[in-house]
Protein backbone atom coordinates (compact mmCIF):
# COMPACT_ATOMS: atom_id res chain seq x y z
CA MET A 1 0.00 0.00 0.00
CA ARG A 2 1.19 3.50 -0.80
CA GLU A 3 2.09 6.05 1.79
CA ASN A 4 -0.82 8.20 2.98
CA GLU A 5 -3.35 5.72 1.62
CA GLU A 6 -6.11 5.02 4.09
CA THR A 7 -6.64 1.42 5.01
CA ALA A 8 -9.86 -0.01 3.67
CA ARG A 9 -11.93 -1.91 6.19
CA ALA A 10 -15.18 -3.78 6.00
CA THR A 11 -17.25 -5.49 8.64
CA ALA A 12 -18.13 -9.16 8.36
CA ALA A 13 -21.72 -8.16 7.51
CA GLU A 14 -20.49 -5.84 4.75
CA LEU A 15 -18.28 -8.57 3.29
CA HIS A 16 -21.22 -10.96 3.42
CA TYR A 17 -23.30 -8.41 1.50
CA VAL A 18 -20.49 -7.95 -1.05
CA GLU A 19 -20.49 -11.70 -1.62
CA GLU A 20 -24.28 -11.74 -2.05
CA VAL A 21 -23.98 -9.00 -4.68
CA ALA A 22 -21.19 -10.93 -6.41
CA LEU A 23 -23.27 -14.10 -6.54
CA GLY A 24 -26.25 -12.15 -7.89
CA PHE A 25 -24.17 -10.69 -10.70
CA GLU A 26 -22.56 -14.07 -11.34
CA ARG A 27 -26.05 -15.51 -11.92
CA GLN A 28 -26.45 -12.78 -14.55
CA GLY A 29 -23.26 -13.85 -16.34
CA LEU A 30 -20.66 -11.56 -14.76
CA PHE A 31 -17.55 -13.07 -13.24
CA ARG A 32 -17.55 -13.11 -9.47
CA MET A 33 -14.69 -10.68 -8.78
CA ALA A 34 -16.34 -8.01 -10.89
CA GLY A 35 -19.49 -8.54 -8.82
CA ARG A 36 -17.46 -8.20 -5.63
CA VAL A 37 -15.99 -4.92 -6.80
CA ILE A 38 -19.48 -3.64 -7.60
CA GLY A 39 -20.74 -4.85 -4.22
CA TRP A 40 -17.99 -3.03 -2.36
CA LEU A 41 -18.31 0.17 -4.37
CA LEU A 42 -22.05 0.22 -3.68
CA ILE A 43 -21.54 0.36 0.11
CA CYS A 44 -18.02 1.65 0.82
CA ASP A 45 -17.26 4.87 2.66
CA PRO A 46 -15.99 7.02 1.11
CA PRO A 47 -17.69 6.11 -2.18
CA GLU A 48 -14.40 6.52 -4.08
CA GLN A 49 -11.77 3.87 -3.42
CA THR A 50 -8.23 3.41 -4.69
CA PHE A 51 -7.19 0.25 -6.48
CA GLY A 52 -5.19 -0.72 -3.38
CA GLN A 53 -8.12 -0.18 -1.03
CA ILE A 54 -10.38 -2.34 -3.17
CA ALA A 55 -7.79 -5.12 -3.36
CA GLU A 56 -7.19 -4.92 0.38
CA VAL A 57 -10.80 -5.02 1.51
CA LEU A 58 -11.69 -7.81 -0.92
CA GLN A 59 -8.45 -9.65 -0.08
CA ALA A 60 -7.91 -10.13 -3.78
CA SER A 61 -4.86 -10.12 -5.99
CA LYS A 62 -4.06 -7.03 -8.03
CA GLY A 63 -4.47 -9.16 -11.14
CA SER A 64 -8.05 -10.13 -10.30
CA ILE A 65 -8.98 -6.53 -9.44
CA SER A 66 -7.33 -5.37 -12.66
CA ALA A 67 -9.33 -7.90 -14.68
CA ALA A 68 -12.54 -6.71 -13.01
CA MET A 69 -11.73 -3.06 -13.72
CA LYS A 70 -10.92 -3.85 -17.36
CA PHE A 71 -14.53 -4.90 -17.68
CA LEU A 72 -16.31 -2.55 -15.27
CA VAL A 73 -14.77 0.76 -16.36
CA PRO A 74 -15.38 0.39 -20.14
CA SER A 75 -18.86 -0.97 -19.44
CA GLY A 76 -19.70 2.25 -17.63
CA ILE A 77 -20.68 0.65 -14.34
CA VAL A 78 -17.56 1.95 -12.59
CA GLU A 79 -15.74 5.17 -13.34
CA ARG A 80 -12.13 6.08 -12.67
CA ILE A 81 -11.62 9.56 -11.29
CA SER A 82 -8.77 11.64 -9.98
CA ARG A 83 -8.52 14.27 -7.27
CA PRO A 84 -6.61 17.52 -7.60
CA GLY A 85 -3.15 17.18 -6.08
CA ASP A 86 -3.42 13.39 -5.76
CA ARG A 87 -1.70 11.16 -8.30
CA ARG A 88 -3.77 8.11 -7.43
CA ASP A 89 -6.81 6.97 -9.35
CA TYR A 90 -10.06 6.36 -7.52
CA TYR A 91 -12.96 4.17 -8.54
CA ARG A 92 -16.65 4.55 -7.83
CA CYS A 93 -19.98 3.37 -9.18
CA ARG A 94 -20.95 5.75 -11.95
CA ALA A 95 -24.08 7.79 -11.27
CA GLY A 96 -26.82 6.67 -13.63
CA ALA A 97 -25.10 3.40 -14.52
CA TRP A 98 -28.04 1.22 -13.48
CA THR A 99 -30.55 3.26 -15.46
CA ASP A 100 -28.30 3.25 -18.51
CA MET A 101 -27.77 -0.51 -18.31
CA ALA A 102 -31.48 -1.26 -17.94
CA ARG A 103 -32.37 1.15 -20.76
CA ASP A 104 -29.76 -0.49 -23.02
CA GLN A 105 -31.24 -3.90 -22.24
CA SER A 106 -34.75 -2.69 -22.98
CA ARG A 107 -33.62 -1.39 -26.37
CA GLN A 108 -32.87 -5.00 -27.29
CA TYR A 109 -36.53 -6.02 -26.96
CA GLY A 110 -37.26 -4.95 -30.53
CA GLU A 111 -34.32 -6.97 -31.79
CA PHE A 112 -35.55 -10.08 -29.99
CA ARG A 113 -39.08 -9.50 -31.32
CA ARG A 114 -37.73 -9.22 -34.87
CA LEU A 115 -35.70 -12.42 -34.43
CA ALA A 116 -38.81 -14.23 -33.26
CA GLU A 117 -40.77 -12.86 -36.22
CA ARG A 118 -38.12 -14.16 -38.61
CA GLY A 119 -38.35 -17.56 -36.95
CA LEU A 120 -42.13 -17.52 -37.18
CA GLU A 121 -41.87 -16.68 -40.89
CA LEU A 122 -39.40 -19.53 -41.31
CA LEU A 123 -41.85 -21.90 -39.64
CA ALA A 124 -44.98 -20.43 -41.27
CA GLU A 125 -46.05 -23.84 -42.57
CA ALA A 126 -44.98 -25.77 -39.45
CA PRO A 127 -47.47 -27.20 -36.96
CA ALA A 128 -48.62 -24.80 -34.22
CA ASP A 129 -46.89 -26.77 -31.45
CA ARG A 130 -43.54 -26.30 -33.20
CA ARG A 131 -44.16 -22.53 -33.49
CA GLU A 132 -45.36 -22.20 -29.88
CA ARG A 133 -41.95 -21.45 -28.31
CA LEU A 134 -41.20 -18.72 -30.84
CA GLN A 135 -44.69 -17.30 -30.50
CA GLY A 136 -44.25 -17.01 -26.74
CA MET A 137 -40.92 -15.24 -27.23
CA HIS A 138 -42.44 -12.94 -29.84
CA ASP A 139 -45.45 -12.06 -27.70
CA LEU A 140 -43.35 -11.22 -24.64
CA TYR A 141 -40.83 -9.04 -26.49
CA ALA A 142 -43.52 -7.30 -28.54
CA TRP A 143 -45.34 -6.44 -25.31
CA LEU A 144 -42.13 -5.26 -23.60
CA GLU A 145 -41.15 -3.19 -26.63
CA GLN A 146 -44.56 -1.53 -26.60
CA GLU A 147 -44.72 -0.93 -22.84
CA MET A 148 -41.15 0.12 -22.00
CA PRO A 149 -41.31 3.69 -23.33
CA ALA A 150 -44.13 4.43 -20.86
CA VAL A 151 -42.24 2.68 -18.05
CA TRP A 152 -39.12 4.74 -18.77
CA GLU A 153 -41.14 7.96 -18.87
CA ARG A 154 -42.75 7.10 -15.53
CA TRP A 155 -39.31 6.31 -14.07
CA ARG A 156 -37.93 9.63 -15.34
CA ARG A 157 -40.81 11.62 -13.80
CA GLU A 158 -40.73 9.81 -10.44
CA HIS A 159 -36.95 9.95 -10.21
CA GLN A 160 -36.97 13.66 -11.06
CA GLN A 161 -39.62 14.31 -8.39
CA ARG A 162 -37.57 12.39 -5.82
CA GLN A 163 -34.46 14.38 -6.67
CA GLU A 164 -36.31 17.69 -6.51
CA GLY A 165 -37.86 16.69 -3.19
CA GLY A 166 -34.44 15.87 -1.76
CA ARG A 167 -33.02 19.25 -2.73
CA ARG A 168 -35.50 21.24 -0.67
């Protein structure tokens, strides 16, 4: 650890939570160390942590933290920042990352609907039971594609109201 770098500490309960977050993200296809980094950055104090602090609290090798950051920073979940007069880099969860990720996922609904439509066209003469799986996929993604703009607008309004209420 570098001189003047604060030691990162976490309680057993916090580390347990970090592991829960990591397992949740692992179920979604992310590798576990990246999930641990996210988990820690969601609850750490201060919200910005150095590379060394993250490695220390997670008791992880620099290589595994580096691999996690090589995914998390370009993905936009985590951002690297600097502080005036400090040569170290700090990492934190990027504000708006969760909304951006969910919105990006919802933009894919139309693509999945179109894929299902192509499959349904391909199987136009096939028996209904063979088309059933594709029809279910099509119906879900068509519905999501239709409904998500209203959901996102509602989120925007409610989130804006919450933010304005917190500023008073």
